[in-house]
Protein backbone atom coordinates (compact mmCIF):
# COMPACT_ATOMS: atom_id res chain seq x y z
CA MET A 1 -0.02 0.07 -0.05
CA TRP A 2 1.38 3.43 -0.92
CA HIS A 3 1.44 6.34 1.44
CA GLY A 4 1.85 9.08 3.33
CA ASN A 5 1.41 9.91 -4.76
CA CYS A 6 9.50 9.11 -21.11
CA ASN A 7 12.50 7.01 -20.61
CA CYS A 8 13.40 5.70 -17.43
CA PHE A 9 15.09 7.97 -14.82
CA LEU A 10 18.47 6.53 -15.61
CA LEU A 11 20.93 6.56 -12.85
CA GLN A 12 23.35 8.86 -14.40
CA ILE A 13 20.68 11.61 -14.02
CA CYS A 14 20.95 10.94 -10.27
CA TYR A 15 24.74 10.46 -10.36
CA VAL A 16 25.78 13.02 -12.77
CA MET A 17 23.05 15.69 -12.72
CA LYS A 18 24.49 18.43 -15.02
CA SER A 19 23.86 22.07 -14.20
CA ARG A 20 21.09 22.22 -16.77
CA PHE A 21 18.92 20.42 -14.36
CA SER A 22 19.16 23.28 -11.98
CA LEU A 23 17.64 25.40 -14.88
CA LEU A 24 14.56 23.11 -15.38
CA LEU A 25 11.37 25.23 -15.65
CA ILE A 26 9.06 23.30 -13.52
CA CYS A 27 6.16 24.71 -15.04
CA LEU A 28 6.61 22.83 -18.40
CA THR A 29 3.68 20.43 -19.09
CA ALA A 30 4.76 16.77 -18.40
CA MET A 31 3.79 14.04 -20.77
CA PRO A 32 3.68 10.58 -19.46
CA VAL A 33 5.73 7.68 -20.93
CA PHE A 34 4.09 4.17 -20.93
CA ALA A 35 6.52 1.33 -21.25
CA GLY A 36 7.73 -2.16 -19.90
CA PHE A 37 10.76 -2.33 -17.91
CA GLY A 38 13.85 -4.24 -16.75
CA ASP A 39 15.29 -4.31 -13.15
CA LYS A 40 17.11 -1.23 -13.24
CA SER A 41 15.72 1.35 -10.80
CA PRO A 42 15.59 5.17 -11.38
CA ILE A 43 16.97 5.81 -7.93
CA ARG A 44 19.32 4.11 -5.49
CA TRP A 45 19.97 4.35 -1.90
CA GLY A 46 23.42 5.76 -1.02
CA LYS A 47 24.07 7.10 -4.65
CA VAL A 48 23.43 10.85 -4.42
CA SER A 49 25.35 13.40 -6.82
CA PRO A 50 26.64 16.58 -5.38
CA ALA A 51 24.85 18.21 -8.33
CA GLU A 52 21.43 17.25 -7.00
CA PHE A 53 22.27 19.83 -4.09
CA SER A 54 22.33 22.59 -6.79
CA VAL A 55 18.77 21.94 -8.18
CA LYS A 56 16.63 25.11 -8.17
CA PRO A 57 13.22 25.51 -9.44
CA LEU A 58 12.59 28.47 -11.61
CA GLY A 59 9.62 30.23 -13.09
CA SER A 60 6.12 30.01 -11.38
CA ASP A 61 7.80 27.46 -9.00
CA SER A 62 10.84 29.65 -8.11
CA ALA A 63 9.51 30.21 -4.47
CA ALA A 64 8.75 26.37 -4.08
CA PRO A 65 9.55 25.43 -0.35
CA ALA A 66 10.95 21.91 -1.63
CA VAL A 67 11.37 19.97 -4.66
CA VAL A 68 10.76 16.27 -5.27
CA LEU A 69 13.83 15.15 -7.19
CA CYS A 70 12.76 11.60 -7.65
CA ASP A 71 9.56 9.74 -6.50
CA PHE A 72 9.63 5.97 -7.39
CA GLY A 73 7.22 3.32 -6.64
CA ASP A 74 6.89 -0.38 -7.55
CA ILE A 75 3.93 -2.79 -7.08
CA ASP A 76 4.71 -6.58 -7.01
CA ILE A 77 1.65 -8.86 -6.57
CA SER A 78 2.13 -12.42 -5.29
CA ASN A 79 0.61 -13.92 -2.14
CA ARG A 80 0.59 -10.27 -0.75
CA THR A 81 0.91 -7.04 -2.59
CA PHE A 82 4.41 -5.73 -2.21
CA TYR A 83 4.57 -1.84 -2.22
CA THR A 84 8.20 -0.36 -2.46
CA ARG A 85 8.55 3.38 -2.45
CA HIS A 86 11.71 5.42 -2.57
CA THR A 87 11.43 9.35 -2.42
CA ARG A 88 14.13 11.98 -2.39
CA ILE A 89 13.24 15.66 -1.61
CA LYS A 90 15.36 18.66 -1.55
CA ILE A 91 14.26 21.44 1.02
CA MET A 92 14.61 24.88 -0.53
CA ASN A 93 13.75 27.16 2.38
CA GLU A 94 12.42 27.33 6.01
CA ALA A 95 8.75 26.59 4.80
CA GLY A 96 10.07 23.28 3.37
CA LEU A 97 10.89 21.94 6.72
CA ARG A 98 7.33 20.85 7.14
CA TYR A 99 8.28 17.90 4.81
CA ALA A 100 10.88 16.71 7.24
CA THR A 101 8.16 15.35 9.48
CA VAL A 102 6.39 12.22 8.01
CA GLU A 103 3.32 10.21 8.72
CA ILE A 104 2.64 6.95 6.99
CA PRO A 105 -0.85 5.54 7.71
CA TYR A 106 -1.23 1.93 7.45
CA GLN A 107 -3.97 -0.75 8.21
CA LYS A 108 -3.03 -2.46 11.37
CA ARG A 109 -6.31 -4.64 11.84
CA TYR A 110 -5.72 -8.32 10.68
CA ARG A 111 -2.05 -7.41 9.97
CA HIS A 112 -3.46 -5.96 6.68
CA ASP A 113 -0.13 -4.09 6.25
CA ASP A 114 3.31 -5.16 7.44
CA PHE A 115 6.49 -2.96 6.86
CA TYR A 116 9.36 -5.19 5.78
CA LYS A 117 11.84 -2.31 5.63
CA LEU A 118 11.60 1.42 6.56
CA LYS A 119 14.61 3.76 6.52
CA ALA A 120 15.18 7.53 6.28
CA ARG A 121 18.12 9.80 6.25
CA THR A 122 19.11 13.59 5.78
CA LEU A 123 21.99 14.46 3.54
CA VAL A 124 23.67 17.70 4.00
CA MET A 125 26.25 19.35 1.81
CA ASP A 126 29.02 20.82 4.03
CA GLY A 127 32.35 22.25 2.53
CA GLY A 128 32.02 20.16 -0.56
CA ARG A 129 31.41 16.97 1.53
CA VAL A 130 28.03 15.10 1.95
CA SER A 131 27.15 14.30 5.80
CA THR A 132 24.52 11.56 6.24
CA TYR A 133 22.07 11.63 9.36
CA ASN A 134 20.11 8.34 9.63
CA VAL A 135 16.64 8.25 11.33
CA PRO A 136 17.25 5.83 14.22
CA ALA A 137 14.81 2.99 14.31
CA GLY A 138 13.90 3.79 17.90
CA GLN A 139 12.73 7.27 16.81
CA ILE A 140 10.14 5.92 14.34
CA GLU A 141 6.99 6.04 16.38
CA ASP A 142 3.98 3.71 15.98
CA ILE A 143 0.77 5.60 16.73
CA ARG A 144 -2.64 4.02 16.81
CA ILE A 145 -5.39 5.97 15.07
CA ASN A 146 -8.40 3.77 15.60
CA ASP A 147 -9.16 0.04 15.62
CA HIS A 148 -8.35 -0.21 11.92
CA TRP A 149 -5.58 2.25 11.23
CA SER A 150 -2.13 3.26 12.79
CA LYS A 151 0.70 5.21 11.47
CA LYS A 152 4.49 5.45 11.41
CA LYS A 153 5.84 8.91 12.40
CA PHE A 154 9.10 10.40 12.53
CA THR A 155 11.31 13.44 11.73
CA PHE A 156 14.42 13.68 9.67
CA PRO A 157 17.40 14.84 11.81
CA GLN A 158 19.36 17.87 10.85
CA ALA A 159 16.92 18.97 8.08
CA ARG A 160 17.53 22.44 7.03
CA PRO A 161 17.34 24.48 3.74
CA GLY A 162 19.55 23.01 1.02
CA ALA A 163 19.42 19.48 2.63
CA ILE A 164 18.12 16.37 0.93
CA ILE A 165 15.68 14.07 2.82
CA GLU A 166 15.29 10.43 1.53
CA LEU A 167 12.89 7.74 2.44
CA GLU A 168 12.53 4.13 1.47
CA TYR A 169 10.18 1.44 2.63
CA VAL A 170 8.71 -1.94 1.67
CA MET A 171 5.22 -2.97 2.83
CA ALA A 172 3.53 -6.37 2.50
CA SER A 173 -0.25 -5.49 2.10
CA LEU A 174 -3.49 -7.51 1.79
CA ASP A 175 -4.73 -4.88 -0.70
CA PHE A 176 -5.90 -6.90 -3.64
CA GLU A 177 -9.19 -5.75 -5.19
CA LYS A 178 -8.28 -2.07 -4.91
CA LEU A 179 -4.52 -1.13 -4.81
CA ASP A 180 -3.28 2.30 -3.70
CA THR A 181 -3.49 5.10 -6.31
CA TRP A 182 -0.18 6.70 -7.49
CA TYR A 183 -0.21 10.42 -7.74
CA PHE A 184 2.52 11.80 -10.20
CA GLN A 185 1.97 15.48 -8.96
CA ARG A 186 2.20 17.15 -5.62
CA GLU A 187 1.84 20.63 -4.05
CA ILE A 188 5.49 21.06 -4.71
CA PRO A 189 7.20 20.61 -8.18
CA THR A 190 8.45 17.16 -9.00
CA LEU A 191 11.37 16.38 -11.50
CA TRP A 192 10.65 12.87 -11.88
CA SER A 193 7.77 10.42 -10.70
CA GLU A 194 7.71 6.84 -11.82
CA VAL A 195 5.45 3.80 -10.98
CA ARG A 196 6.02 0.12 -12.12
CA ILE A 197 3.58 -2.75 -11.61
CA GLN A 198 4.00 -6.43 -12.18
CA ILE A 199 0.88 -8.41 -12.43
CA PRO A 200 1.21 -12.35 -12.38
CA SER A 201 -0.87 -14.60 -14.60
CA PRO A 202 -3.73 -15.55 -12.30
CA PHE A 203 -4.94 -11.86 -12.15
CA VAL A 204 -6.36 -9.44 -14.58
CA TYR A 205 -6.16 -5.84 -13.48
CA LEU A 206 -7.67 -2.59 -14.90
CA VAL A 207 -4.82 -0.05 -14.85
CA THR A 208 -6.32 3.29 -15.45
CA PHE A 209 -4.06 6.41 -16.16
CA GLU A 210 -5.96 9.65 -15.79
CA ASN A 211 -4.72 13.31 -16.30
CA ASN A 212 -7.57 15.53 -15.15
CA ARG A 213 -9.78 14.25 -18.04
CA PRO A 214 -13.43 13.48 -17.17
CA LEU A 215 -15.34 11.59 -19.70
CA SER A 216 -17.97 13.06 -21.88
CA PRO A 217 -21.48 11.08 -21.94
CA ASP A 218 -20.44 9.72 -25.51
CA GLU A 219 -17.21 8.56 -23.99
CA GLU A 220 -18.75 7.05 -21.01
CA LEU A 221 -21.03 4.98 -23.34
CA ALA A 222 -17.91 3.78 -25.57
CA TYR A 223 -15.96 3.00 -22.48
CA GLY A 224 -18.85 1.19 -20.90
CA GLU A 225 -19.27 -0.92 -24.05
CA ARG A 226 -15.72 -1.97 -23.71
CA LEU A 227 -16.12 -2.91 -20.21
CA GLN A 228 -19.21 -4.86 -21.30
CA TRP A 229 -17.10 -6.85 -23.92
CA LEU A 230 -14.56 -7.63 -21.24
CA TYR A 231 -17.27 -9.17 -19.20
CA ASN A 232 -18.87 -10.98 -21.93
CA THR A 233 -15.90 -12.46 -23.79
CA ARG A 234 -14.29 -15.69 -23.06
CA SER A 235 -10.64 -15.26 -21.55
CA ARG A 236 -8.91 -17.04 -24.33
CA SER A 237 -10.45 -14.78 -26.96
CA ARG A 238 -10.13 -11.85 -24.75
CA ARG A 239 -6.40 -12.26 -24.37
CA MET A 240 -5.74 -12.81 -27.94
CA GLN A 241 -7.64 -9.52 -28.88
CA LEU A 242 -6.13 -7.46 -25.96
CA ALA A 243 -2.57 -8.86 -27.01
CA GLN A 244 -3.15 -7.25 -30.48
CA GLU A 245 -4.01 -3.95 -28.83
CA ASN A 246 -1.16 -3.79 -26.45
CA GLU A 247 -3.55 -4.70 -23.83
CA LEU A 248 -5.19 -1.36 -24.16
CA LEU A 249 -8.97 -1.52 -23.40
CA TYR A 250 -9.88 2.07 -23.83
CA ALA A 251 -8.28 5.49 -24.45
CA THR A 252 -9.42 9.03 -25.16
CA GLY A 253 -8.36 10.53 -28.48
CA GLU A 254 -5.58 12.77 -26.75
CA SER A 255 -4.55 9.76 -24.40
CA ARG A 256 -5.23 11.76 -21.16
CA LEU A 257 -7.23 8.87 -19.98
CA LYS A 258 -6.02 5.17 -20.90
CA VAL A 259 -7.26 1.94 -19.37
CA TRP A 260 -5.26 -1.42 -19.84
CA ALA A 261 -6.53 -4.67 -19.04
CA MET A 262 -3.28 -6.29 -17.94
CA ASN A 263 -2.45 -10.18 -17.21
CA ASN A 264 0.98 -11.45 -16.78
CA LEU A 265 2.68 -8.28 -17.84
CA LYS A 266 4.72 -5.49 -16.33
CA LYS A 267 4.34 -1.73 -16.89
CA LYS A 268 5.97 1.44 -15.96
CA ILE A 269 4.48 5.06 -16.32
CA ILE A 270 6.78 8.00 -15.95
CA MET A 271 6.21 11.68 -15.73
CA LYS A 272 8.72 14.45 -15.44
CA ASN A 273 8.92 18.16 -14.71
CA LEU A 274 5.50 18.53 -12.95
CA PRO A 275 4.72 21.79 -11.56
CA GLY A 276 3.48 22.20 -7.76
CA LEU A 277 -0.21 22.35 -7.56
CA SER A 278 -2.15 23.54 -4.29
CA GLY A 279 -4.99 25.46 -3.19
CA SER A 280 -8.83 25.17 -3.14
CA PHE A 281 -10.83 24.43 -6.07
CA GLY A 282 -14.43 24.67 -4.68
CA ASP A 283 -15.65 21.36 -3.37
CA GLN A 284 -13.14 19.60 -5.43
CA PRO A 285 -9.95 18.32 -3.62
CA VAL A 286 -6.58 19.29 -5.46
CA THR A 287 -5.69 15.50 -5.75
CA ASP A 288 -8.58 15.21 -8.23
CA LEU A 289 -6.57 17.41 -10.56
CA TYR A 290 -3.19 15.41 -10.17
CA PRO A 291 -2.23 12.85 -12.96
CA ARG A 292 -2.71 9.48 -11.33
CA VAL A 293 -2.85 5.62 -12.00
CA ARG A 294 -5.52 3.43 -10.44
CA PHE A 295 -5.30 -0.30 -10.21
CA ASP A 296 -8.50 -2.33 -9.78
CA LEU A 297 -8.84 -6.08 -9.95
CA PHE A 298 -11.08 -7.46 -12.75
CA GLU A 299 -10.57 -11.06 -12.39
CA SER A 300 -8.73 -13.77 -10.74
CA SER A 301 -9.06 -17.52 -11.49
CA GLY A 302 -7.34 -20.79 -10.96
CA ASN A 303 -6.12 -23.12 -8.27
CA LEU A 304 -3.89 -20.85 -6.14
CA PRO A 305 -1.47 -22.18 -3.32
CA ARG A 306 -2.77 -21.98 0.37
CA SER A 307 -0.35 -19.08 0.98
CA PHE A 308 -2.62 -16.77 -1.30
CA LYS A 309 -5.72 -17.51 0.91
CA PRO A 310 -5.36 -14.48 3.34
CA LEU A 311 -5.26 -12.20 -0.07
CA ILE A 312 -8.27 -14.09 -1.64
CA LEU A 313 -10.26 -13.87 1.51
CA THR A 314 -10.25 -9.95 1.37
CA THR A 315 -12.59 -10.29 -1.57
CA ARG A 316 -15.39 -11.83 0.43
CA ASP A 317 -18.38 -9.48 1.20
CA ASP A 318 -18.13 -10.72 4.94
CA TYR A 319 -14.40 -10.16 5.41
CA ASP A 320 -14.88 -6.94 7.39
CA THR A 321 -17.54 -8.55 9.48
CA LYS A 322 -16.02 -11.79 10.13
CA GLY A 323 -12.30 -11.07 10.00
CA GLU A 324 -9.25 -12.90 8.79
CA TRP A 325 -9.07 -15.33 11.79
CA LEU A 326 -12.59 -16.67 11.39
CA LEU A 327 -12.41 -17.05 7.86
CA MET A 328 -9.10 -18.65 7.72
CA HIS A 329 -10.49 -21.47 10.10
CA ASP A 330 -13.50 -21.83 7.93
CA ARG A 331 -12.86 -24.72 5.53
CA THR A 332 -15.96 -23.70 3.49
CA ALA A 333 -14.74 -20.03 2.93
CA ILE A 334 -12.82 -20.66 -0.07
CA PRO A 335 -12.99 -23.78 -2.48
CA GLY A 336 -9.83 -25.10 -4.26
CA TYR A 337 -10.61 -23.33 -7.63
CA ILE A 338 -10.96 -19.53 -7.10
CA HIS A 339 -12.76 -17.30 -9.49
CA PHE A 340 -13.32 -13.69 -8.66
CA ARG A 341 -14.70 -11.18 -11.01
CA LEU A 342 -15.39 -7.37 -10.51
CA LYS A 343 -19.09 -6.86 -9.86
CA THR A 344 -21.35 -4.95 -12.07
CA TRP A 345 -23.44 -2.09 -10.47
CA PRO A 346 -26.53 -4.23 -10.19
CA GLN A 347 -24.61 -7.03 -8.52
CA TYR A 348 -22.98 -4.44 -6.22
CA ASN A 349 -26.40 -3.03 -5.39
CA ASP A 350 -28.06 -6.33 -4.65
CA ASN A 351 -25.05 -7.46 -2.40
CA LEU A 352 -25.55 -4.34 -0.34
CA LEU A 353 -29.15 -5.06 0.25
CA GLU A 354 -28.26 -8.37 1.61
CA HIS A 355 -25.42 -7.17 3.74
CA GLU A 356 -25.72 -7.81 7.37
CA ARG A 357 -24.26 -4.38 8.22
CA PHE A 358 -26.06 -2.47 5.66
CA GLY A 359 -29.32 -3.81 3.89
CA LYS A 360 -30.38 -6.07 6.75
CA TYR A 361 -29.92 -3.20 9.09
CA LEU A 362 -32.97 -1.75 7.48
CA LEU A 363 -35.15 -4.68 8.35
CA ARG A 364 -34.86 -4.32 12.22
CA ARG A 365 -37.60 -2.97 14.16
CA PRO A 366 -36.37 0.31 15.85
CA ALA A 367 -39.56 1.02 17.70
CA GLY A 368 -43.13 -0.25 18.35
CA THR A 369 -46.08 1.28 16.61
CA ALA A 370 -47.02 3.09 19.69
CA ILE A 371 -43.75 4.88 19.80
CA MET A 372 -43.83 5.58 16.04
CA ASP A 373 -47.18 7.11 16.59
CA SER A 374 -46.06 9.31 19.21
CA ILE A 375 -43.01 10.68 17.27
CA THR A 376 -45.37 11.55 14.25
CA ALA A 377 -48.17 12.68 16.56
CA GLY A 378 -49.84 15.87 15.19
CA SER A 379 -48.15 15.59 11.60
CA ARG A 380 -50.70 16.55 9.06
CA ASP A 381 -48.81 15.29 6.07
CA ASN A 382 -45.77 13.35 5.13
CA LEU A 383 -43.58 16.27 5.11
CA GLU A 384 -44.34 16.97 8.65
CA LYS A 385 -43.89 13.32 9.50
CA MET A 386 -40.54 13.30 7.84
CA ALA A 387 -39.39 16.35 9.88
CA ALA A 388 -40.79 14.77 13.08
CA VAL A 389 -38.75 11.51 12.41
CA TYR A 390 -35.67 13.52 11.35
CA ARG A 391 -35.64 15.59 14.57
CA PHE A 392 -36.31 12.64 16.77
CA VAL A 393 -33.20 10.74 15.44
CA ARG A 394 -31.09 13.97 15.52
CA ASN A 395 -31.98 14.74 18.99
CA THR A 396 -31.86 11.11 20.36
CA PHE A 397 -28.64 9.68 18.69
CA ARG A 398 -25.34 11.26 18.84
CA TRP A 399 -22.95 11.19 15.84
CA ASN A 400 -19.47 10.11 16.93
CA GLY A 401 -17.75 12.14 14.20
CA GLU A 402 -16.93 9.03 11.88
CA PHE A 403 -18.08 8.73 8.25
CA THR A 404 -18.77 5.07 7.42
CA MET A 405 -20.56 3.12 4.81
CA TYR A 406 -21.18 0.10 6.92
CA THR A 407 -22.64 0.00 10.50
CA GLY A 408 -20.25 -1.14 13.22
CA ASP A 409 -22.30 -2.05 16.20
CA ASP A 410 -24.87 -4.43 16.62
CA PHE A 411 -28.12 -2.89 15.95
CA ASP A 412 -29.39 -3.41 19.66
CA ALA A 413 -26.04 -2.31 20.96
CA PHE A 414 -26.09 0.90 18.90
CA MET A 415 -29.81 1.49 20.19
CA ARG A 416 -28.48 1.09 23.88
CA LYS A 417 -25.56 3.33 23.39
CA ARG A 418 -27.42 6.10 21.21
CA GLU A 419 -24.05 7.02 19.60
CA GLY A 420 -22.64 5.78 16.49
CA SER A 421 -21.15 6.50 13.02
CA SER A 422 -22.80 8.21 10.02
CA ALA A 423 -24.08 4.70 8.86
CA GLU A 424 -25.63 3.65 12.03
CA ILE A 425 -27.40 7.05 12.41
CA ASN A 426 -28.50 7.50 8.89
CA LEU A 427 -29.63 3.80 8.17
CA LEU A 428 -31.83 4.25 11.35
CA LEU A 429 -33.29 7.30 9.94
CA ILE A 430 -34.13 5.40 6.82
CA ASN A 431 -35.53 2.47 8.73
CA MET A 432 -37.83 4.90 11.02
CA LEU A 433 -39.02 6.79 7.97
CA ARG A 434 -39.96 3.69 6.15
CA ASN A 435 -41.88 2.71 9.22
CA ALA A 436 -43.49 5.96 9.18
CA GLY A 437 -44.89 5.17 5.59
CA ILE A 438 -42.30 7.46 3.69
CA LYS A 439 -40.46 5.93 0.59
CA THR A 440 -36.79 6.26 1.60
CA ASP A 441 -33.60 4.70 0.26
CA PRO A 442 -29.96 4.64 1.32
CA LEU A 443 -27.70 7.13 -0.77
CA LEU A 444 -24.07 6.13 -0.83
CA VAL A 445 -21.61 9.23 -0.79
CA ARG A 446 -17.97 9.50 -1.17
CA THR A 447 -17.45 12.83 0.81
CA ASN A 448 -16.10 15.60 -1.07
CA ASP A 449 -12.46 15.58 0.62
CA LEU A 450 -11.89 12.25 -0.98
CA GLY A 451 -12.81 13.24 -4.57
CA ILE A 452 -15.45 11.99 -7.14
CA ALA A 453 -16.58 8.56 -7.05
CA GLU A 454 -15.69 6.17 -9.92
CA LYS A 455 -18.82 5.70 -12.01
CA MET A 456 -18.02 3.07 -14.55
CA TYR A 457 -17.66 0.10 -12.11
CA PRO A 458 -18.03 -0.36 -8.35
CA VAL A 459 -14.62 0.30 -6.63
CA LYS A 460 -13.97 -1.45 -3.28
CA ASN A 461 -14.33 1.17 -0.46
CA GLN A 462 -14.75 4.13 -2.59
CA PHE A 463 -17.94 5.13 -0.57
CA ASN A 464 -17.30 6.29 2.92
CA HIS A 465 -20.63 7.80 4.00
CA VAL A 466 -24.44 7.05 3.72
CA ILE A 467 -27.38 9.51 3.80
CA ALA A 468 -31.17 9.22 3.19
CA ILE A 469 -33.23 10.00 -0.06
CA ALA A 470 -36.88 10.29 0.77
CA GLU A 471 -39.77 10.77 -1.63
CA VAL A 472 -42.69 13.03 -0.46
CA ASP A 473 -45.31 14.48 -2.59
CA GLY A 474 -43.49 13.59 -5.63
CA ALA A 475 -40.33 15.42 -4.70
CA ARG A 476 -37.05 13.88 -3.67
CA VAL A 477 -35.52 15.21 -0.52
CA LEU A 478 -31.99 14.26 0.88
CA LEU A 479 -31.58 14.03 4.63
CA ASP A 480 -28.32 13.70 6.70
CA ALA A 481 -28.63 13.48 10.62
CA THR A 482 -24.92 14.24 10.92
CA SER A 483 -25.42 17.73 9.55
CA GLY A 484 -25.67 19.27 13.12
CA SER A 485 -28.84 21.06 12.06
CA GLY A 486 -32.56 20.77 12.60
CA ASP A 487 -33.16 22.27 9.31
CA LEU A 488 -34.26 19.69 6.68
CA ASN A 489 -32.81 21.70 3.98
CA ARG A 490 -29.34 21.42 5.27
CA LEU A 491 -26.80 18.59 4.55
CA ASN A 492 -23.39 17.99 5.96
CA LEU A 493 -20.91 20.25 3.93
CA LYS A 494 -18.84 16.97 2.96
CA ASP A 495 -21.98 15.77 1.06
CA ILE A 496 -22.07 18.77 -1.13
CA GLY A 497 -20.51 18.53 -4.69
CA THR A 498 -20.47 14.71 -4.88
CA ARG A 499 -21.86 11.99 -7.02
CA ALA A 500 -23.77 9.47 -5.09
CA TRP A 501 -25.45 6.02 -5.57
CA ILE A 502 -29.00 5.16 -4.60
CA VAL A 503 -29.26 1.64 -3.20
CA SER A 504 -32.66 0.48 -4.17
CA ARG A 505 -34.44 -2.76 -5.41
CA ASP A 506 -36.55 -0.80 -7.70
CA ASN A 507 -34.64 2.21 -9.07
CA PRO A 508 -30.93 2.22 -8.21
CA GLY A 509 -28.71 4.64 -9.95
CA TRP A 510 -26.56 7.69 -9.71
CA ILE A 511 -27.55 11.17 -8.52
CA GLU A 512 -25.45 14.36 -8.31
CA ILE A 513 -25.52 16.58 -5.24
CA PHE A 514 -25.14 20.13 -6.33
CA SER A 515 -22.57 22.52 -4.95
CA GLN A 516 -23.85 24.78 -2.29
CA ASP A 517 -24.34 27.70 -4.87
CA ASN A 518 -26.64 25.35 -6.83
CA LYS A 519 -28.72 24.35 -3.89
CA GLY A 520 -30.08 21.20 -5.12
CA THR A 521 -29.58 17.49 -6.43
CA ARG A 522 -29.81 16.17 -9.87
CA ASP A 523 -30.77 12.78 -11.06
CA GLU A 524 -28.63 11.97 -13.99
CA GLY A 525 -30.62 12.16 -17.23
CA GLN A 526 -33.75 13.64 -15.58
CA GLY A 527 -32.64 17.16 -14.33
CA THR A 528 -35.04 17.01 -11.29
CA ARG A 529 -34.08 19.12 -8.26
CA ASP A 530 -34.38 18.94 -4.56
CA GLU A 531 -33.80 21.94 -2.33
CA GLY A 532 -30.78 21.57 -0.10
CA GLN A 533 -27.79 23.52 1.33
CA GLY A 534 -24.77 22.65 3.15
CA THR A 535 -23.84 23.36 6.83
CA SER A 536 -20.78 22.23 8.71
CA LYS A 537 -20.14 20.45 11.92
CA LYS A 538 -17.03 20.93 14.27
CA GLY A 539 -14.80 17.78 14.85
CA GLN A 540 -15.69 15.89 11.67
CA LYS A 541 -13.43 13.09 10.80
CA THR A 542 -12.43 11.97 7.21
CA ARG A 543 -11.07 8.61 6.46
CA ASP A 544 -8.07 8.14 8.54
CA LYS A 545 -6.09 6.92 5.49
CA GLU A 546 -6.20 10.38 4.11
CA GLU A 547 -4.83 12.10 7.12
CA GLY A 548 -1.03 12.79 7.40
CA THR A 549 1.44 14.94 5.46
CA GLY A 550 0.74 13.25 2.15
CA TRP A 551 2.80 10.27 2.47
CA TYR A 552 0.79 7.02 1.47
CA LYS A 553 1.77 3.47 0.79
CA LEU A 554 2.49 4.72 -2.68
């Protein structure tokens, strides 16, 4: 897992960095290079040229606090996913010292992520000689974030303007369906960014390069047809045709979005001379604008060795509920022959409705008829009923600040504690609205600080929040009991400007929640609107993986 995101960056670039590299205009537009690769890495530990200390960004990035000299990542998939990352940064001024403190979040539960190697050092040029200051292993803190996440944290010693800081680690992860995204760009300029992936024969991955290029409706249709071909075509015929097309499944005309269906192949993607990009772009996180590569498992089939079992178990819908230990001791959990395939949206929707911590949560009886009658007493119509139920849930149950898609606690335990995550509170709201006779469905949201949700196929764990969509007098209304407001027309600010999925047996599909200025929602293809604004709540928590100083598994 990655944390904290042309031709190969040949070693001589690091070893003999000529003075012309100090004159690089970082504002130049970077073009990606796609290729296979050998074993030679673009950067080596212990091999730093004195010329690297002379690198200076010019042009619009002349005041940059730091420069990424080289950012190299490698993904090797076997019975675990092995992430290797090696990053070298030059600190330009005092403001750049914030990059000298590093946090690397990782999933500790079920030993999902294990560090095999973690080393860091500061390099200082002093009187024409390079002095090295290593980060002692005893000064690398391991800090618990919550039941799922922890983080490694340390500070580079002797960091100062002009110094180079360098980090390298190897992590063995149970990431399988969804690998960490590699981001080529950062808020500071990057001279060289490269990622490699090696995919063995049992697996087929969709490898997607995106360079800030949303698809038009016609392009979505064309890409959807290619995905459907991938689902419908037998593996042998599929492999033969993809081989003729260099494994390319789909690409836009100018190649700013390319998708490969890769099996038993290696690939590297390199970008050079990327400008720093930071700031606010409305509801959109800046990372949505960075060129990136995503990796999603499409298919796995065959008789795999027992050592692969922990990896395969993560594809089960009940993995988060039962956990690795129970499933490892369940002989029926995995047969000898494995066949996994990326779900379609209808399959994903149906699975959610049957999920113990989602759809079945909606079937529990939260209150008797007498209590429901007392909550809605005096309501003259469904709009007033809806308002009464909303106020009851908001005033009776306390949000613990966590955005989740699935419930954590047992239903009865949550009802006793009267405190829970966004999923527990809003699924209860949906449950009670249904019991009050109001048609209501769950609406899956990827909060706006995490970027836009993938629309073409279901990506594992891309949603981190659930709210309610109710229908009253022919109008659709969105409700979020985590908004901190008793006003029905106010949502949580993190709901605004997102693309959300309606989980429904009858009418599943996408809906867009307009930005605060637009004050409404839109069903795709229908253009209907519901009134709604945003409000904030202090103490909100985003997904812990996104916290830190920008270091990720990749």
